[in-house]
Amino acid sequence: MRKGDAKAPSQRQLRVGEEVRHTLAWILERGEIHDPGLAGVAVTVTEVRISPDLRNATAYVMPLGGDDVPGVLEALHRAAPFVRRLMAKKIKLRRLPNLQFEADQTFEEAGRIEDLLKTPPVARDLGKDDATPDTGDAGDGA
């Protein structure tokens, strides 16, 4: 769960979020959004979170290579009403959620954790846990 979430999402929220994610990824893959900010940019939709009342959706996206994230987010915000109309044709829901787009920070966080694991104090501590204990049988000669 992301920071600030009070409880786990329901099965319906998860199912609707995954359906929205698949449809949004399909729309972006086909290049149906004709915005100069998205021209020639491959965008990955990593997750879609749906509010408990199913009225709002936050799509976590990242341009391939992490280039021009603010420009891509701005283009997606401009295109949100158009994307919502395209999604309405593909998803059978009584009410389609409003779309918001945010940059996915999980890649940055994973890189930060990996860098921390490579620092000398942490690597030293991890090395102690990975070493096999000496049983004293090596010089027995029997």
N, C-alpha and C. Protein backbone atom coordinates (compact mmCIF):
# COMPACT_ATOMS: atom_id res chain seq x y z
N MET A 1 0.83 -1.19 0.00
CA MET A 1 0.00 0.00 0.00
C MET A 1 0.87 1.25 0.00
N ARG A 2 0.39 2.29 -0.61
CA ARG A 2 1.10 3.55 -0.63
C ARG A 2 0.83 4.30 0.66
N LYS A 3 1.71 5.27 0.95
CA LYS A 3 1.55 6.07 2.16
C LYS A 3 0.19 6.74 2.17
N GLY A 4 -0.41 6.78 3.36
CA GLY A 4 -1.69 7.45 3.51
C GLY A 4 -2.89 6.55 3.31
N ASP A 5 -2.70 5.32 2.83
CA ASP A 5 -3.82 4.42 2.66
C ASP A 5 -4.25 3.89 4.02
N ALA A 6 -5.54 3.99 4.33
CA ALA A 6 -6.04 3.58 5.63
C ALA A 6 -6.23 2.06 5.70
N LYS A 7 -6.72 1.46 4.63
CA LYS A 7 -6.94 0.03 4.65
C LYS A 7 -6.72 -0.54 3.26
N ALA A 8 -6.67 -1.84 3.19
CA ALA A 8 -6.41 -2.51 1.91
C ALA A 8 -7.60 -2.31 0.97
N PRO A 9 -7.35 -2.24 -0.33
CA PRO A 9 -8.45 -2.07 -1.29
C PRO A 9 -9.30 -3.34 -1.38
N SER A 10 -10.56 -3.15 -1.71
CA SER A 10 -11.48 -4.29 -1.86
C SER A 10 -11.18 -5.04 -3.15
N GLN A 11 -11.75 -6.21 -3.28
CA GLN A 11 -11.58 -7.00 -4.50
C GLN A 11 -12.14 -6.25 -5.71
N ARG A 12 -13.24 -5.56 -5.52
CA ARG A 12 -13.82 -4.79 -6.62
C ARG A 12 -12.89 -3.65 -7.05
N GLN A 13 -12.31 -2.93 -6.08
CA GLN A 13 -11.36 -1.88 -6.41
C GLN A 13 -10.17 -2.45 -7.18
N LEU A 14 -9.65 -3.58 -6.73
CA LEU A 14 -8.51 -4.20 -7.42
C LEU A 14 -8.88 -4.62 -8.84
N ARG A 15 -10.06 -5.22 -8.99
CA ARG A 15 -10.49 -5.69 -10.30
C ARG A 15 -10.71 -4.52 -11.26
N VAL A 16 -11.38 -3.46 -10.80
CA VAL A 16 -11.62 -2.29 -11.65
C VAL A 16 -10.29 -1.60 -11.96
N GLY A 17 -9.42 -1.49 -10.97
CA GLY A 17 -8.11 -0.87 -11.19
C GLY A 17 -7.30 -1.60 -12.24
N GLU A 18 -7.32 -2.93 -12.19
CA GLU A 18 -6.57 -3.71 -13.17
C GLU A 18 -7.18 -3.58 -14.57
N GLU A 19 -8.50 -3.54 -14.64
CA GLU A 19 -9.17 -3.36 -15.93
C GLU A 19 -8.84 -1.99 -16.53
N VAL A 20 -8.84 -0.96 -15.70
CA VAL A 20 -8.49 0.39 -16.16
C VAL A 20 -7.02 0.42 -16.60
N ARG A 21 -6.14 -0.24 -15.82
CA ARG A 21 -4.72 -0.27 -16.17
C ARG A 21 -4.50 -0.93 -17.53
N HIS A 22 -5.14 -2.07 -17.75
CA HIS A 22 -4.99 -2.77 -19.04
C HIS A 22 -5.51 -1.93 -20.20
N THR A 23 -6.65 -1.31 -20.01
CA THR A 23 -7.23 -0.50 -21.08
C THR A 23 -6.39 0.74 -21.35
N LEU A 24 -5.92 1.38 -20.30
CA LEU A 24 -5.07 2.56 -20.47
C LEU A 24 -3.77 2.20 -21.17
N ALA A 25 -3.16 1.09 -20.79
CA ALA A 25 -1.93 0.64 -21.45
C ALA A 25 -2.18 0.34 -22.92
N TRP A 26 -3.33 -0.25 -23.22
CA TRP A 26 -3.69 -0.57 -24.61
C TRP A 26 -3.84 0.72 -25.42
N ILE A 27 -4.50 1.73 -24.84
CA ILE A 27 -4.69 3.01 -25.53
C ILE A 27 -3.34 3.68 -25.80
N LEU A 28 -2.47 3.67 -24.80
CA LEU A 28 -1.15 4.29 -24.97
C LEU A 28 -0.29 3.52 -25.97
N GLU A 29 -0.39 2.20 -25.94
CA GLU A 29 0.40 1.37 -26.86
C GLU A 29 0.00 1.60 -28.31
N ARG A 30 -1.29 1.77 -28.54
CA ARG A 30 -1.78 1.98 -29.90
C ARG A 30 -1.54 3.40 -30.41
N GLY A 31 -1.12 4.29 -29.52
CA GLY A 31 -0.85 5.66 -29.94
C GLY A 31 -2.09 6.45 -30.28
N GLU A 32 -3.19 6.18 -29.56
CA GLU A 32 -4.45 6.85 -29.87
C GLU A 32 -4.52 8.28 -29.32
N ILE A 33 -3.57 8.64 -28.47
CA ILE A 33 -3.53 10.00 -27.92
C ILE A 33 -2.57 10.81 -28.78
N HIS A 34 -3.10 11.78 -29.48
CA HIS A 34 -2.29 12.59 -30.39
C HIS A 34 -1.94 13.92 -29.71
N ASP A 35 -0.99 13.85 -28.80
CA ASP A 35 -0.54 15.04 -28.08
C ASP A 35 0.96 15.17 -28.32
N PRO A 36 1.45 16.37 -28.62
CA PRO A 36 2.89 16.53 -28.88
C PRO A 36 3.77 16.10 -27.70
N GLY A 37 3.25 16.19 -26.49
CA GLY A 37 4.01 15.78 -25.32
C GLY A 37 4.21 14.27 -25.21
N LEU A 38 3.42 13.52 -25.98
CA LEU A 38 3.52 12.06 -25.95
C LEU A 38 4.08 11.49 -27.25
N ALA A 39 4.42 12.37 -28.19
CA ALA A 39 4.92 11.91 -29.48
C ALA A 39 6.23 11.15 -29.31
N GLY A 40 6.24 9.92 -29.76
CA GLY A 40 7.45 9.10 -29.72
C GLY A 40 7.86 8.64 -28.33
N VAL A 41 6.97 8.75 -27.36
CA VAL A 41 7.30 8.35 -25.99
C VAL A 41 6.50 7.11 -25.63
N ALA A 42 7.20 6.07 -25.18
CA ALA A 42 6.52 4.87 -24.68
C ALA A 42 6.28 5.07 -23.19
N VAL A 43 5.03 4.92 -22.77
CA VAL A 43 4.66 5.13 -21.38
C VAL A 43 4.21 3.82 -20.77
N THR A 44 4.75 3.49 -19.61
CA THR A 44 4.36 2.28 -18.89
C THR A 44 3.37 2.66 -17.80
N VAL A 45 2.28 1.93 -17.72
CA VAL A 45 1.30 2.11 -16.66
C VAL A 45 1.55 1.00 -15.65
N THR A 46 2.14 1.35 -14.51
CA THR A 46 2.54 0.33 -13.55
C THR A 46 1.41 -0.08 -12.62
N GLU A 47 0.52 0.84 -12.31
CA GLU A 47 -0.55 0.55 -11.37
C GLU A 47 -1.65 1.58 -11.50
N VAL A 48 -2.87 1.16 -11.20
CA VAL A 48 -4.00 2.09 -11.13
C VAL A 48 -4.70 1.83 -9.81
N ARG A 49 -4.82 2.89 -9.01
CA ARG A 49 -5.51 2.80 -7.72
C ARG A 49 -6.88 3.46 -7.86
N ILE A 50 -7.90 2.76 -7.38
CA ILE A 50 -9.27 3.23 -7.47
C ILE A 50 -9.74 3.61 -6.06
N SER A 51 -10.45 4.73 -5.95
CA SER A 51 -11.00 5.15 -4.66
C SER A 51 -12.09 4.15 -4.24
N PRO A 52 -12.38 4.07 -2.94
CA PRO A 52 -13.41 3.12 -2.48
C PRO A 52 -14.77 3.31 -3.12
N ASP A 53 -15.12 4.55 -3.49
CA ASP A 53 -16.42 4.78 -4.14
C ASP A 53 -16.36 4.59 -5.66
N LEU A 54 -15.20 4.20 -6.18
CA LEU A 54 -14.97 3.92 -7.60
C LEU A 54 -15.16 5.15 -8.50
N ARG A 55 -15.09 6.34 -7.94
CA ARG A 55 -15.29 7.56 -8.73
C ARG A 55 -13.98 8.17 -9.22
N ASN A 56 -12.87 7.84 -8.58
CA ASN A 56 -11.58 8.42 -8.95
C ASN A 56 -10.54 7.33 -9.12
N ALA A 57 -9.68 7.52 -10.09
CA ALA A 57 -8.60 6.58 -10.34
C ALA A 57 -7.29 7.35 -10.48
N THR A 58 -6.26 6.84 -9.84
CA THR A 58 -4.93 7.41 -9.99
C THR A 58 -4.07 6.40 -10.73
N ALA A 59 -3.60 6.79 -11.89
CA ALA A 59 -2.75 5.91 -12.70
C ALA A 59 -1.29 6.31 -12.46
N TYR A 60 -0.49 5.33 -12.05
CA TYR A 60 0.94 5.56 -11.83
C TYR A 60 1.65 5.17 -13.11
N VAL A 61 2.32 6.15 -13.72
CA VAL A 61 2.93 5.96 -15.03
C VAL A 61 4.41 6.34 -14.99
N MET A 62 5.15 5.82 -15.95
CA MET A 62 6.56 6.18 -16.09
C MET A 62 6.92 6.05 -17.57
N PRO A 63 7.46 7.14 -18.15
CA PRO A 63 7.94 7.04 -19.52
C PRO A 63 9.14 6.09 -19.58
N LEU A 64 9.24 5.35 -20.65
CA LEU A 64 10.35 4.41 -20.81
C LEU A 64 11.66 5.19 -20.76
N GLY A 65 12.55 4.78 -19.89
CA GLY A 65 13.81 5.46 -19.71
C GLY A 65 13.74 6.60 -18.70
N GLY A 66 12.54 6.92 -18.22
CA GLY A 66 12.38 7.97 -17.23
C GLY A 66 12.61 9.37 -17.75
N ASP A 67 12.55 9.56 -19.08
CA ASP A 67 12.81 10.87 -19.68
C ASP A 67 11.58 11.76 -19.63
N ASP A 68 11.78 13.05 -19.35
CA ASP A 68 10.75 14.09 -19.39
C ASP A 68 9.46 13.70 -18.67
N VAL A 69 9.58 13.27 -17.44
CA VAL A 69 8.41 12.87 -16.66
C VAL A 69 7.41 14.02 -16.52
N PRO A 70 7.83 15.24 -16.16
CA PRO A 70 6.84 16.32 -16.03
C PRO A 70 6.10 16.61 -17.34
N GLY A 71 6.80 16.57 -18.47
CA GLY A 71 6.14 16.81 -19.75
C GLY A 71 5.14 15.74 -20.11
N VAL A 72 5.47 14.49 -19.81
CA VAL A 72 4.55 13.38 -20.09
C VAL A 72 3.33 13.47 -19.19
N LEU A 73 3.53 13.79 -17.91
CA LEU A 73 2.39 13.93 -16.99
C LEU A 73 1.48 15.07 -17.42
N GLU A 74 2.07 16.17 -17.86
CA GLU A 74 1.27 17.30 -18.33
C GLU A 74 0.44 16.90 -19.54
N ALA A 75 1.04 16.17 -20.48
CA ALA A 75 0.31 15.73 -21.67
C ALA A 75 -0.81 14.76 -21.30
N LEU A 76 -0.56 13.87 -20.37
CA LEU A 76 -1.59 12.93 -19.94
C LEU A 76 -2.73 13.65 -19.23
N HIS A 77 -2.43 14.67 -18.43
CA HIS A 77 -3.48 15.45 -17.78
C HIS A 77 -4.35 16.17 -18.81
N ARG A 78 -3.71 16.70 -19.84
CA ARG A 78 -4.48 17.36 -20.92
C ARG A 78 -5.38 16.36 -21.63
N ALA A 79 -4.89 15.15 -21.81
CA ALA A 79 -5.62 14.14 -22.58
C ALA A 79 -6.59 13.33 -21.74
N ALA A 80 -6.64 13.54 -20.43
CA ALA A 80 -7.45 12.71 -19.53
C ALA A 80 -8.92 12.61 -19.95
N PRO A 81 -9.61 13.72 -20.30
CA PRO A 81 -11.01 13.57 -20.71
C PRO A 81 -11.17 12.72 -21.98
N PHE A 82 -10.26 12.90 -22.93
CA PHE A 82 -10.29 12.10 -24.16
C PHE A 82 -10.04 10.62 -23.84
N VAL A 83 -9.05 10.36 -23.00
CA VAL A 83 -8.72 8.97 -22.62
C VAL A 83 -9.91 8.34 -21.92
N ARG A 84 -10.57 9.09 -21.07
CA ARG A 84 -11.74 8.57 -20.36
C ARG A 84 -12.85 8.17 -21.34
N ARG A 85 -13.05 8.98 -22.37
CA ARG A 85 -14.07 8.64 -23.38
C ARG A 85 -13.68 7.36 -24.13
N LEU A 86 -12.39 7.22 -24.47
CA LEU A 86 -11.94 5.99 -25.14
C LEU A 86 -12.12 4.78 -24.23
N MET A 87 -11.83 4.96 -22.96
CA MET A 87 -11.96 3.85 -22.02
C MET A 87 -13.43 3.45 -21.84
N ALA A 88 -14.33 4.42 -21.91
CA ALA A 88 -15.76 4.13 -21.74
C ALA A 88 -16.27 3.17 -22.81
N LYS A 89 -15.63 3.19 -23.98
CA LYS A 89 -16.03 2.28 -25.05
C LYS A 89 -15.55 0.85 -24.78
N LYS A 90 -14.51 0.71 -23.97
CA LYS A 90 -13.90 -0.61 -23.74
C LYS A 90 -14.30 -1.25 -22.42
N ILE A 91 -14.58 -0.43 -21.41
CA ILE A 91 -14.87 -0.94 -20.08
C ILE A 91 -16.36 -0.80 -19.79
N LYS A 92 -16.95 -1.88 -19.35
CA LYS A 92 -18.38 -1.88 -19.05
C LYS A 92 -18.60 -1.60 -17.56
N LEU A 93 -18.71 -0.32 -17.24
CA LEU A 93 -19.01 0.10 -15.88
C LEU A 93 -20.15 1.11 -15.94
N ARG A 94 -20.94 1.15 -14.89
CA ARG A 94 -22.02 2.13 -14.83
C ARG A 94 -21.46 3.54 -14.86
N ARG A 95 -20.37 3.74 -14.12
CA ARG A 95 -19.73 5.06 -14.07
C ARG A 95 -18.22 4.86 -14.13
N LEU A 96 -17.59 5.44 -15.12
CA LEU A 96 -16.14 5.32 -15.26
C LEU A 96 -15.46 6.33 -14.35
N PRO A 97 -14.41 5.93 -13.64
CA PRO A 97 -13.75 6.86 -12.72
C PRO A 97 -13.04 8.01 -13.44
N ASN A 98 -12.92 9.14 -12.75
CA ASN A 98 -12.12 10.26 -13.23
C ASN A 98 -10.66 9.85 -13.14
N LEU A 99 -9.86 10.28 -14.10
CA LEU A 99 -8.46 9.88 -14.16
C LEU A 99 -7.52 10.97 -13.68
N GLN A 100 -6.58 10.58 -12.86
CA GLN A 100 -5.45 11.41 -12.46
C GLN A 100 -4.19 10.63 -12.79
N PHE A 101 -3.14 11.32 -13.13
CA PHE A 101 -1.87 10.65 -13.45
C PHE A 101 -0.79 11.13 -12.50
N GLU A 102 0.01 10.18 -12.03
CA GLU A 102 1.15 10.50 -11.17
C GLU A 102 2.35 9.69 -11.63
N ALA A 103 3.53 10.24 -11.38
CA ALA A 103 4.76 9.52 -11.72
C ALA A 103 4.94 8.38 -10.73
N ASP A 104 5.33 7.23 -11.22
CA ASP A 104 5.58 6.08 -10.37
C ASP A 104 6.97 6.23 -9.75
N GLN A 105 7.03 6.27 -8.45
CA GLN A 105 8.28 6.47 -7.73
C GLN A 105 8.95 5.16 -7.32
N THR A 106 8.35 4.01 -7.62
CA THR A 106 8.90 2.74 -7.15
C THR A 106 10.26 2.44 -7.76
N PHE A 107 10.50 2.86 -9.00
CA PHE A 107 11.81 2.61 -9.62
C PHE A 107 12.90 3.40 -8.91
N GLU A 108 12.60 4.67 -8.59
CA GLU A 108 13.56 5.49 -7.85
C GLU A 108 13.82 4.90 -6.47
N GLU A 109 12.76 4.47 -5.81
CA GLU A 109 12.89 3.90 -4.47
C GLU A 109 13.71 2.62 -4.50
N ALA A 110 13.49 1.78 -5.50
CA ALA A 110 14.27 0.54 -5.64
C ALA A 110 15.74 0.86 -5.86
N GLY A 111 16.04 1.86 -6.67
CA GLY A 111 17.42 2.26 -6.90
C GLY A 111 18.07 2.80 -5.64
N ARG A 112 17.31 3.57 -4.85
CA ARG A 112 17.82 4.11 -3.60
C ARG A 112 18.14 2.98 -2.62
N ILE A 113 17.27 1.99 -2.54
CA ILE A 113 17.51 0.84 -1.64
C ILE A 113 18.71 0.05 -2.10
N GLU A 114 18.83 -0.16 -3.41
CA GLU A 114 19.99 -0.89 -3.93
C GLU A 114 21.29 -0.15 -3.62
N ASP A 115 21.28 1.17 -3.76
CA ASP A 115 22.47 1.96 -3.41
C ASP A 115 22.80 1.83 -1.93
N LEU A 116 21.76 1.82 -1.09
CA LEU A 116 22.00 1.65 0.35
C LEU A 116 22.61 0.28 0.66
N LEU A 117 22.14 -0.73 -0.04
CA LEU A 117 22.67 -2.08 0.19
C LEU A 117 24.13 -2.21 -0.22
N LYS A 118 24.57 -1.34 -1.11
CA LYS A 118 25.96 -1.40 -1.59
C LYS A 118 26.91 -0.56 -0.73
N THR A 119 26.40 0.20 0.23
CA THR A 119 27.29 1.00 1.07
C THR A 119 28.13 0.06 1.94
N PRO A 120 29.37 0.44 2.24
CA PRO A 120 30.27 -0.45 2.98
C PRO A 120 29.72 -0.97 4.32
N PRO A 121 29.11 -0.13 5.16
CA PRO A 121 28.62 -0.68 6.42
C PRO A 121 27.52 -1.74 6.24
N VAL A 122 26.61 -1.49 5.30
CA VAL A 122 25.52 -2.44 5.08
C VAL A 122 26.07 -3.70 4.41
N ALA A 123 26.95 -3.55 3.45
CA ALA A 123 27.54 -4.71 2.78
C ALA A 123 28.31 -5.56 3.79
N ARG A 124 29.02 -4.91 4.70
CA ARG A 124 29.76 -5.64 5.73
C ARG A 124 28.78 -6.44 6.62
N ASP A 125 27.69 -5.81 7.04
CA ASP A 125 26.71 -6.49 7.88
C ASP A 125 26.02 -7.63 7.14
N LEU A 126 25.73 -7.42 5.88
CA LEU A 126 25.11 -8.48 5.09
C LEU A 126 26.07 -9.63 4.87
N GLY A 127 27.35 -9.35 4.73
CA GLY A 127 28.36 -10.39 4.55
C GLY A 127 28.45 -11.31 5.74
N LYS A 128 28.26 -10.80 6.95
CA LYS A 128 28.30 -11.62 8.17
C LYS A 128 27.15 -12.61 8.18
N ASP A 129 25.98 -12.18 7.73
CA ASP A 129 24.81 -13.06 7.73
C ASP A 129 24.93 -14.15 6.69
N ASP A 130 25.62 -13.87 5.59
CA ASP A 130 25.72 -14.84 4.50
C ASP A 130 26.82 -15.87 4.73
N ALA A 131 27.76 -15.62 5.62
CA ALA A 131 28.87 -16.55 5.84
C ALA A 131 28.37 -17.81 6.52
N THR A 132 28.92 -18.95 6.09
CA THR A 132 28.55 -20.21 6.73
C THR A 132 29.36 -20.36 8.01
N PRO A 133 28.76 -20.85 9.06
CA PRO A 133 29.48 -20.98 10.33
C PRO A 133 30.57 -22.05 10.22
N ASP A 134 31.69 -21.81 10.90
CA ASP A 134 32.81 -22.74 10.89
C ASP A 134 32.51 -23.84 11.91
N THR A 135 32.50 -25.10 11.44
CA THR A 135 32.17 -26.22 12.34
C THR A 135 33.43 -26.84 12.93
N GLY A 136 34.60 -26.50 12.42
CA GLY A 136 35.83 -27.04 12.99
C GLY A 136 36.21 -28.38 12.41
N ASP A 137 35.54 -28.89 11.38
CA ASP A 137 35.82 -30.19 10.80
C ASP A 137 36.89 -30.14 9.73
N ALA A 138 37.35 -28.96 9.32
CA ALA A 138 38.25 -28.82 8.16
C ALA A 138 39.59 -29.44 8.42
N GLY A 139 40.18 -29.40 9.59
CA GLY A 139 41.51 -29.91 9.81
C GLY A 139 41.54 -31.23 10.54
N ASP A 140 40.51 -32.04 10.43
CA ASP A 140 40.39 -33.30 11.17
C ASP A 140 41.35 -34.36 10.66
N GLY A 141 41.43 -34.54 9.36
CA GLY A 141 42.32 -35.53 8.75
C GLY A 141 41.82 -36.94 8.89
N ALA A 142 40.64 -37.22 9.35
CA ALA A 142 40.17 -38.59 9.54
C ALA A 142 39.52 -39.16 8.35
